[in-house]
Amino acid sequence: MSARQGIDAAHRRAAAASPRRAPVLDRAPVLHPAPVLHPAPEPVRAENHRKEPQP
């Protein structure tokens, strides 16, 4: 048995033992779209706003 088949078998056993926890692996990428939530932090920077009012 190859390593891939062993991993698949372990995953099937874990899914059979706890059916409610198995789908978490599928949902994780959807729940955490980091690049979408933080597209471009550049335009608004506290440093720039602090430097503006100084003469």
N, C-alpha and C. Protein backbone atom coordinates (compact mmCIF):
# COMPACT_ATOMS: atom_id res chain seq x y z
N MET A 1 0.85 -1.20 0.00
CA MET A 1 0.00 0.00 0.00
C MET A 1 0.88 1.25 0.00
N SER A 2 0.56 2.19 -0.89
CA SER A 2 1.36 3.41 -0.96
C SER A 2 0.99 4.37 0.17
N ALA A 3 1.80 5.39 0.32
CA ALA A 3 1.54 6.37 1.38
C ALA A 3 0.21 7.07 1.15
N ARG A 4 -0.09 7.37 -0.12
CA ARG A 4 -1.34 8.06 -0.43
C ARG A 4 -2.55 7.21 -0.02
N GLN A 5 -2.47 5.93 -0.32
CA GLN A 5 -3.58 5.04 0.04
C GLN A 5 -3.71 4.92 1.55
N GLY A 6 -2.57 4.91 2.25
CA GLY A 6 -2.60 4.82 3.71
C GLY A 6 -3.24 6.06 4.31
N ILE A 7 -2.92 7.24 3.74
CA ILE A 7 -3.51 8.49 4.22
C ILE A 7 -5.01 8.48 3.96
N ASP A 8 -5.41 8.05 2.76
CA ASP A 8 -6.84 8.00 2.43
C ASP A 8 -7.58 7.06 3.38
N ALA A 9 -6.97 5.92 3.68
CA ALA A 9 -7.61 4.96 4.59
C ALA A 9 -7.74 5.56 5.99
N ALA A 10 -6.73 6.28 6.43
CA ALA A 10 -6.78 6.91 7.75
C ALA A 10 -7.87 7.98 7.78
N HIS A 11 -7.99 8.71 6.68
CA HIS A 11 -9.02 9.74 6.62
C HIS A 11 -10.42 9.11 6.63
N ARG A 12 -10.57 8.00 5.92
CA ARG A 12 -11.87 7.33 5.92
C ARG A 12 -12.22 6.82 7.32
N ARG A 13 -11.19 6.28 8.03
CA ARG A 13 -11.44 5.80 9.39
C ARG A 13 -11.82 6.96 10.30
N ALA A 14 -11.14 8.07 10.16
CA ALA A 14 -11.45 9.24 11.00
C ALA A 14 -12.84 9.78 10.67
N ALA A 15 -13.21 9.77 9.41
CA ALA A 15 -14.53 10.25 9.01
C ALA A 15 -15.62 9.33 9.55
N ALA A 16 -15.34 8.03 9.56
CA ALA A 16 -16.33 7.08 10.08
C ALA A 16 -16.47 7.23 11.60
N ALA A 17 -15.37 7.54 12.27
CA ALA A 17 -15.39 7.66 13.72
C ALA A 17 -16.06 8.98 14.15
N SER A 18 -15.85 10.06 13.38
CA SER A 18 -16.42 11.36 13.74
C SER A 18 -16.95 12.05 12.49
N PRO A 19 -18.14 11.69 12.03
CA PRO A 19 -18.68 12.23 10.79
C PRO A 19 -18.89 13.74 10.83
N ARG A 20 -19.07 14.31 12.02
CA ARG A 20 -19.34 15.74 12.08
C ARG A 20 -18.07 16.57 11.89
N ARG A 21 -16.91 16.01 12.24
CA ARG A 21 -15.68 16.79 12.16
C ARG A 21 -15.00 16.68 10.80
N ALA A 22 -15.34 15.71 10.01
CA ALA A 22 -14.69 15.50 8.72
C ALA A 22 -14.87 16.68 7.76
N PRO A 23 -16.08 17.26 7.62
CA PRO A 23 -16.27 18.32 6.64
C PRO A 23 -15.51 19.60 6.95
N VAL A 24 -14.94 19.73 8.14
CA VAL A 24 -14.21 20.95 8.48
C VAL A 24 -13.06 21.19 7.50
N LEU A 25 -12.42 20.12 7.05
CA LEU A 25 -11.32 20.26 6.10
C LEU A 25 -11.81 20.88 4.79
N ASP A 26 -13.04 20.55 4.38
CA ASP A 26 -13.56 21.10 3.13
C ASP A 26 -13.99 22.56 3.30
N ARG A 27 -14.46 22.90 4.51
CA ARG A 27 -14.98 24.25 4.71
C ARG A 27 -13.89 25.27 5.04
N ALA A 28 -12.75 24.82 5.50
CA ALA A 28 -11.72 25.75 5.96
C ALA A 28 -11.34 26.82 4.92
N PRO A 29 -11.03 26.47 3.67
CA PRO A 29 -10.64 27.50 2.70
C PRO A 29 -11.75 28.53 2.45
N VAL A 30 -13.00 28.12 2.57
CA VAL A 30 -14.11 29.03 2.32
C VAL A 30 -14.28 30.00 3.48
N LEU A 31 -14.04 29.52 4.70
CA LEU A 31 -14.23 30.37 5.88
C LEU A 31 -13.12 31.40 6.03
N HIS A 32 -11.94 31.15 5.43
CA HIS A 32 -10.82 32.06 5.62
C HIS A 32 -10.27 32.57 4.29
N PRO A 33 -11.01 33.41 3.58
CA PRO A 33 -10.47 33.99 2.34
C PRO A 33 -9.62 35.22 2.66
N ALA A 34 -8.44 35.02 3.21
CA ALA A 34 -7.61 36.13 3.66
C ALA A 34 -7.31 37.15 2.55
N PRO A 35 -6.90 36.74 1.35
CA PRO A 35 -6.59 37.72 0.30
C PRO A 35 -7.80 38.59 -0.07
N VAL A 36 -8.99 38.04 0.06
CA VAL A 36 -10.19 38.80 -0.29
C VAL A 36 -10.52 39.81 0.80
N LEU A 37 -10.33 39.40 2.06
CA LEU A 37 -10.65 40.30 3.17
C LEU A 37 -9.65 41.45 3.27
N HIS A 38 -8.40 41.20 2.86
CA HIS A 38 -7.37 42.24 2.95
C HIS A 38 -6.73 42.45 1.58
N PRO A 39 -7.42 43.13 0.68
CA PRO A 39 -6.92 43.25 -0.70
C PRO A 39 -5.70 44.18 -0.82
N ALA A 40 -5.78 45.41 -0.24
CA ALA A 40 -4.67 46.35 -0.40
C ALA A 40 -4.58 47.27 0.82
N PRO A 41 -3.69 46.99 1.77
CA PRO A 41 -3.54 47.83 2.96
C PRO A 41 -2.77 49.12 2.70
N GLU A 42 -2.24 49.30 1.50
CA GLU A 42 -1.39 50.46 1.21
C GLU A 42 -2.10 51.82 1.26
N PRO A 43 -3.24 52.02 0.62
CA PRO A 43 -3.80 53.36 0.50
C PRO A 43 -4.05 54.06 1.85
N VAL A 44 -4.47 53.34 2.86
CA VAL A 44 -4.76 53.96 4.16
C VAL A 44 -3.68 53.54 5.16
N ARG A 45 -2.82 54.48 5.53
CA ARG A 45 -1.75 54.17 6.48
C ARG A 45 -1.71 55.25 7.56
N ALA A 46 -1.62 54.81 8.80
CA ALA A 46 -1.61 55.76 9.92
C ALA A 46 -0.40 56.69 9.83
N GLU A 47 0.73 56.18 9.35
CA GLU A 47 1.95 56.99 9.25
C GLU A 47 1.70 58.21 8.36
N ASN A 48 1.07 57.99 7.21
CA ASN A 48 0.82 59.08 6.28
C ASN A 48 -0.08 60.16 6.90
N HIS A 49 -1.08 59.71 7.65
CA HIS A 49 -2.00 60.67 8.26
C HIS A 49 -1.31 61.47 9.37
N ARG A 50 -0.35 60.85 10.04
CA ARG A 50 0.36 61.56 11.11
C ARG A 50 1.27 62.64 10.53
N LYS A 51 1.86 62.36 9.36
CA LYS A 51 2.82 63.31 8.78
C LYS A 51 2.11 64.51 8.15
N GLU A 52 0.86 64.36 7.72
CA GLU A 52 0.16 65.43 7.01
C GLU A 52 0.07 66.76 7.78
N PRO A 53 -0.45 66.79 9.03
CA PRO A 53 -0.71 68.08 9.68
C PRO A 53 0.55 68.87 10.06
N GLN A 54 1.71 68.22 10.10
CA GLN A 54 2.93 68.91 10.52
C GLN A 54 3.32 69.99 9.50
N PRO A 55 3.67 71.18 9.95
CA PRO A 55 4.06 72.28 9.04
C PRO A 55 5.39 72.02 8.37
